[in-house]
C-alpha atoms as a PDB file:
ATOM      1  CA  MET A   1     132.497  82.172 108.186  1.00  0.00           C
ATOM      2  CA  LYS A   2     129.066  82.549 108.201  1.00  0.00           C
ATOM      3  CA  HIS A   3     128.891  85.348 110.009  1.00  0.00           C
ATOM      4  CA  VAL A   4     131.150  87.438 107.810  1.00  0.00           C
ATOM      5  CA  VAL A   5     128.310  86.429 104.939  1.00  0.00           C
ATOM      6  CA  PHE A   6     125.640  87.507 106.810  1.00  0.00           C
ATOM      7  CA  ALA A   7     127.031  90.443 107.963  1.00  0.00           C
ATOM      8  CA  THR A   8     127.900  91.744 104.139  1.00  0.00           C
ATOM      9  CA  ILE A   9     124.564  91.277 103.692  1.00  0.00           C
ATOM     10  CA  LEU A  10     123.490  93.224 106.713  1.00  0.00           C
ATOM     11  CA  ALA A  11     125.960  96.440 105.508  1.00  0.00           C
ATOM     12  CA  PHE A  12     124.746  96.105 101.700  1.00  0.00           C
ATOM     13  CA  VAL A  13     121.178  95.554 102.884  1.00  0.00           C
ATOM     14  CA  GLY A  14     122.386  99.207 105.093  1.00  0.00           C
ATOM     15  CA  GLY A  15     123.491 100.673 101.962  1.00  0.00           C
ATOM     16  CA  GLN A  16     121.073 100.538  99.951  1.00  0.00           C
ATOM     17  CA  ALA A  17     118.408 100.977 102.455  1.00  0.00           C
ATOM     18  CA  SER A  18     119.865 104.318 103.304  1.00  0.00           C
ATOM     19  CA  ALA A  19     120.144 105.038  99.651  1.00  0.00           C
ATOM     20  CA  LEU A  20     117.415 105.538  99.687  1.00  0.00           C
ATOM     21  CA  SER A  21     115.807 106.926 103.095  1.00  0.00           C
ATOM     22  CA  CYS A  22     113.979 110.398 102.506  1.00  0.00           C
ATOM     23  CA  ILE A  23     112.496 113.078 104.582  1.00  0.00           C
ATOM     24  CA  ARG A  24     108.362 113.183 104.074  1.00  0.00           C
ATOM     25  CA  PRO A  25     108.306 115.898 101.823  1.00  0.00           C
ATOM     26  CA  ASP A  26     105.160 118.425 103.143  1.00  0.00           C
ATOM     27  CA  PRO A  27     102.941 120.669 100.683  1.00  0.00           C
ATOM     28  CA  ILE A  28     102.636 123.633 102.839  1.00  0.00           C
ATOM     29  CA  MET A  29     106.001 122.520 104.552  1.00  0.00           C
ATOM     30  CA  THR A  30     106.818 123.680 101.449  1.00  0.00           C
ATOM     31  CA  PHE A  31     104.958 126.051 100.409  1.00  0.00           C
ATOM     32  CA  LYS A  32     107.319 128.017 103.488  1.00  0.00           C
ATOM     33  CA  GLU A  33     110.093 127.651 102.471  1.00  0.00           C
ATOM     34  CA  LEU A  34     109.607 128.337  98.674  1.00  0.00           C
ATOM     35  CA  ALA A  35     107.725 131.836  99.927  1.00  0.00           C
ATOM     36  CA  ALA A  36     111.168 132.945 101.851  1.00  0.00           C
ATOM     37  CA  ALA A  37     113.043 131.854  98.718  1.00  0.00           C
ATOM     38  CA  PRO A  38     113.899 134.633  96.946  1.00  0.00           C
ATOM     39  CA  GLU A  39     112.265 133.443  93.569  1.00  0.00           C
ATOM     40  CA  ASN A  40     108.913 133.418  92.793  1.00  0.00           C
ATOM     41  CA  TYR A  41     106.663 130.392  92.479  1.00  0.00           C
ATOM     42  CA  PHE A  42     103.029 129.470  91.858  1.00  0.00           C
ATOM     43  CA  VAL A  43     101.514 126.942  93.325  1.00  0.00           C
ATOM     44  CA  LEU A  44      99.569 125.240  90.877  1.00  0.00           C
ATOM     45  CA  TYR A  45      95.766 122.245  91.398  1.00  0.00           C
ATOM     46  CA  GLY A  46      95.111 120.259  89.106  1.00  0.00           C
ATOM     47  CA  GLU A  47      95.907 117.519  86.364  1.00  0.00           C
ATOM     48  CA  MET A  48      99.192 117.212  84.037  1.00  0.00           C
ATOM     49  CA  THR A  49      99.315 115.161  80.750  1.00  0.00           C
ATOM     50  CA  PHE A  50     102.402 113.600  79.318  1.00  0.00           C
ATOM     51  CA  ASP A  51     102.847 110.251  77.714  1.00  0.00           C
ATOM     52  CA  GLU A  52     104.261 108.493  81.015  1.00  0.00           C
ATOM     53  CA  ALA A  53     107.159 106.401  78.627  1.00  0.00           C
ATOM     54  CA  LEU A  54     109.172 108.715  78.743  1.00  0.00           C
ATOM     55  CA  LEU A  55     109.640 108.938  82.584  1.00  0.00           C
ATOM     56  CA  PRO A  56     113.114 107.036  83.228  1.00  0.00           C
ATOM     57  CA  PRO A  57     112.615 104.092  85.534  1.00  0.00           C
ATOM     58  CA  GLY A  58     112.241 104.690  89.380  1.00  0.00           C
ATOM     59  CA  VAL A  59     115.158 102.793  90.360  1.00  0.00           C
ATOM     60  CA  SER A  60     117.632 101.887  87.485  1.00  0.00           C
ATOM     61  CA  ALA A  61     120.754 101.563  87.106  1.00  0.00           C
ATOM     62  CA  LEU A  62     123.223 105.175  86.996  1.00  0.00           C
ATOM     63  CA  PRO A  63     121.953 106.685  84.670  1.00  0.00           C
ATOM     64  CA  THR A  64     124.536 108.050  82.349  1.00  0.00           C
ATOM     65  CA  ALA A  65     122.904 111.607  82.161  1.00  0.00           C
ATOM     66  CA  ALA A  66     120.556 113.759  82.918  1.00  0.00           C
ATOM     67  CA  PRO A  67     116.780 112.560  81.497  1.00  0.00           C
ATOM     68  CA  ASP A  68     115.299 114.379  79.129  1.00  0.00           C
ATOM     69  CA  PRO A  69     112.540 116.722  80.338  1.00  0.00           C
ATOM     70  CA  ILE A  70     108.822 115.079  78.992  1.00  0.00           C
ATOM     71  CA  PRO A  71     106.465 117.548  77.161  1.00  0.00           C
ATOM     72  CA  ALA A  72     102.621 118.274  79.397  1.00  0.00           C
ATOM     73  CA  GLN A  73     100.163 119.941  79.014  1.00  0.00           C
ATOM     74  CA  PHE A  74      99.048 121.371  82.090  1.00  0.00           C
ATOM     75  CA  ARG A  75      94.643 122.044  83.683  1.00  0.00           C
ATOM     76  CA  GLY A  76      93.795 123.298  86.411  1.00  0.00           C
ATOM     77  CA  LYS A  77      94.085 126.171  89.357  1.00  0.00           C
ATOM     78  CA  GLY A  78      96.336 128.435  90.439  1.00  0.00           C
ATOM     79  CA  LEU A  79      96.581 129.815  93.502  1.00  0.00           C
ATOM     80  CA  THR A  80      95.372 133.242  94.551  1.00  0.00           C
ATOM     81  CA  ARG A  81      94.687 134.913  97.992  1.00  0.00           C
ATOM     82  CA  GLN A  82      90.810 134.169  97.485  1.00  0.00           C
ATOM     83  CA  GLY A  83      92.014 130.350  96.999  1.00  0.00           C
ATOM     84  CA  PHE A  84      92.372 128.338  94.024  1.00  0.00           C
ATOM     85  CA  THR A  85      90.786 130.598  91.255  1.00  0.00           C
ATOM     86  CA  SER A  86      92.979 130.988  89.057  1.00  0.00           C
ATOM     87  CA  ASP A  87      92.932 129.215  85.324  1.00  0.00           C
ATOM     88  CA  TYR A  88      95.801 127.564  84.085  1.00  0.00           C
ATOM     89  CA  ILE A  89      96.318 125.686  81.743  1.00  0.00           C
ATOM     90  CA  SER A  90      98.819 125.326  78.781  1.00  0.00           C
ATOM     91  CA  PRO A  91     101.888 122.863  78.208  1.00  0.00           C
ATOM     92  CA  VAL A  92     104.193 122.417  80.621  1.00  0.00           C
ATOM     93  CA  THR A  93     108.146 120.500  80.886  1.00  0.00           C
ATOM     94  CA  LEU A  94     108.249 117.710  82.918  1.00  0.00           C
ATOM     95  CA  GLU A  95     111.934 118.056  84.345  1.00  0.00           C
ATOM     96  CA  VAL A  96     112.247 114.110  86.402  1.00  0.00           C
ATOM     97  CA  SER A  97     115.757 114.596  88.111  1.00  0.00           C
ATOM     98  CA  CYS A  98     117.900 111.654  89.555  1.00  0.00           C
ATOM     99  CA  LEU A  99     120.350 110.945  92.699  1.00  0.00           C
ATOM    100  CA  GLY A 100     122.540 107.985  92.427  1.00  0.00           C
ATOM    101  CA  SER A 101     119.887 105.480  90.579  1.00  0.00           C
ATOM    102  CA  TRP A 102     116.840 106.859  92.335  1.00  0.00           C
ATOM    103  CA  CYS A 103     114.869 108.961  89.722  1.00  0.00           C
ATOM    104  CA  GLY A 104     111.374 110.938  91.195  1.00  0.00           C
ATOM    105  CA  GLY A 105     108.372 110.697  89.169  1.00  0.00           C
ATOM    106  CA  ALA A 106     105.317 111.393  88.404  1.00  0.00           C
ATOM    107  CA  ARG A 107     102.275 110.535  87.117  1.00  0.00           C
ATOM    108  CA  SER A 108     100.002 111.693  83.898  1.00  0.00           C
ATOM    109  CA  GLY A 109      95.932 112.283  84.845  1.00  0.00           C
ATOM    110  CA  GLY A 110      95.051 112.697  88.238  1.00  0.00           C
ATOM    111  CA  ASP A 111      94.816 115.442  90.560  1.00  0.00           C
ATOM    112  CA  ALA A 112      98.079 117.630  92.162  1.00  0.00           C
ATOM    113  CA  ILE A 113      99.629 119.773  93.360  1.00  0.00           C
ATOM    114  CA  TYR A 114     102.978 121.637  91.304  1.00  0.00           C
ATOM    115  CA  PHE A 115     104.949 123.751  92.954  1.00  0.00           C
ATOM    116  CA  VAL A 116     106.962 125.622  89.939  1.00  0.00           C
ATOM    117  CA  GLU A 117     108.732 128.639  89.534  1.00  0.00           C
ATOM    118  CA  ALA A 118     106.964 131.371  88.328  1.00  0.00           C
ATOM    119  CA  LYS A 119     108.436 132.039  84.087  1.00  0.00           C
ATOM    120  CA  GLU A 120     106.699 132.162  81.175  1.00  0.00           C
ATOM    121  CA  PRO A 121     105.125 128.813  80.056  1.00  0.00           C
ATOM    122  CA  PRO A 122     106.314 126.804  79.573  1.00  0.00           C
ATOM    123  CA  VAL A 123     106.647 126.458  82.964  1.00  0.00           C
ATOM    124  CA  THR A 124     109.029 123.185  84.232  1.00  0.00           C
ATOM    125  CA  MET A 125     107.842 120.794  86.474  1.00  0.00           C
ATOM    126  CA  ARG A 126     110.183 118.769  89.036  1.00  0.00           C
ATOM    127  CA  ALA A 127     109.999 115.503  90.114  1.00  0.00           C
ATOM    128  CA  GLU A 128     112.833 115.017  91.994  1.00  0.00           C
ATOM    129  CA  PRO A 129     113.629 111.932  93.765  1.00  0.00           C
ATOM    130  CA  CYS A 130     112.388 112.343  97.391  1.00  0.00           C
ATOM    131  CA  GLY A 131     109.022 114.570  96.594  1.00  0.00           C
ATOM    132  CA  GLY A 132     108.453 117.659  97.863  1.00  0.00           C
ATOM    133  CA  ARG A 133     106.982 119.413  94.226  1.00  0.00           C
ATOM    134  CA  ILE A 134     103.687 117.396  93.266  1.00  0.00           C
ATOM    135  CA  PHE A 135     101.540 116.227  95.833  1.00  0.00           C
ATOM    136  CA  ALA A 136      99.620 113.642  94.164  1.00  0.00           C
ATOM    137  CA  ASP A 137      95.760 113.517  95.265  1.00  0.00           C
ATOM    138  CA  PRO A 138      96.196 116.294  98.248  1.00  0.00           C
ATOM    139  CA  SER A 139      93.239 116.732 100.886  1.00  0.00           C
ATOM    140  CA  GLN A 140      91.036 119.589 101.055  1.00  0.00           C
ATOM    141  CA  GLU A 141      91.849 119.336 104.670  1.00  0.00           C
ATOM    142  CA  VAL A 142      95.818 119.449 102.905  1.00  0.00           C
ATOM    143  CA  LEU A 143      93.870 122.232  99.971  1.00  0.00           C
ATOM    144  CA  ASP A 144      92.126 124.634 102.398  1.00  0.00           C
ATOM    145  CA  MET A 145      95.319 125.151 105.134  1.00  0.00           C
ATOM    146  CA  LEU A 146      97.589 126.199 101.466  1.00  0.00           C
ATOM    147  CA  VAL A 147      94.499 129.146 101.223  1.00  0.00           C
ATOM    148  CA  SER A 148      95.922 129.347 104.818  1.00  0.00           C
ATOM    149  CA  CYS A 149      98.734 130.461 104.576  1.00  0.00           C
ATOM    150  CA  MET A 150      98.122 132.184 101.021  1.00  0.00           C
ATOM    151  CA  GLN A 151      95.723 134.527 102.952  1.00  0.00           C
ATOM    152  CA  GLY A 152      99.082 135.208 105.631  1.00  0.00           C
ATOM    153  CA  GLY A 153      96.340 133.006 108.202  1.00  0.00           C
ATOM    154  CA  PRO A 154      97.628 129.456 109.723  1.00  0.00           C
ATOM    155  CA  CYS A 155     100.083 128.194 108.133  1.00  0.00           C
ATOM    156  CA  SER A 156     100.919 124.350 109.354  1.00  0.00           C
ATOM    157  CA  PRO A 157     102.102 121.473 108.265  1.00  0.00           C
ATOM    158  CA  GLN A 158      99.675 117.735 108.300  1.00  0.00           C
ATOM    159  CA  PRO A 159     100.076 115.606 111.137  1.00  0.00           C
ATOM    160  CA  LEU A 160     101.733 112.348 109.389  1.00  0.00           C
ATOM    161  CA  GLN A 161      98.554 109.938 108.364  1.00  0.00           C
END
């Protein structure tokens, strides 16, 4: 009987762990993927501010509906061939998506890289359960590599740290 209970617990924990597994997102890989997409994207670097109380919990019971969009403000720079040189200050919309009970997240304040579809303001920042469009606290090496990618120079993913 103990073996059956242990096996059941192990299967449950294993199922939960697999729900958490995501490939670690990398801003350089995201740049390459979106550069090949038919849509145009902005690469923004700066600070988004919003009311964090409006975020859905990171892990919760299965949501019954998609979380409501969150109004936010962005202040920072857009990536050009000369670097992060184009001022970008605008209202934005934060859209959090969930996959089962796992929801994406973002934080108000603090620097981050945002990949957003190039549309008229307000653009939409997407926070996905496995990340991939928002990268908090990027290193100078990551910022420099994104500039190199934009200029058509070396563009290689960052090693895992």
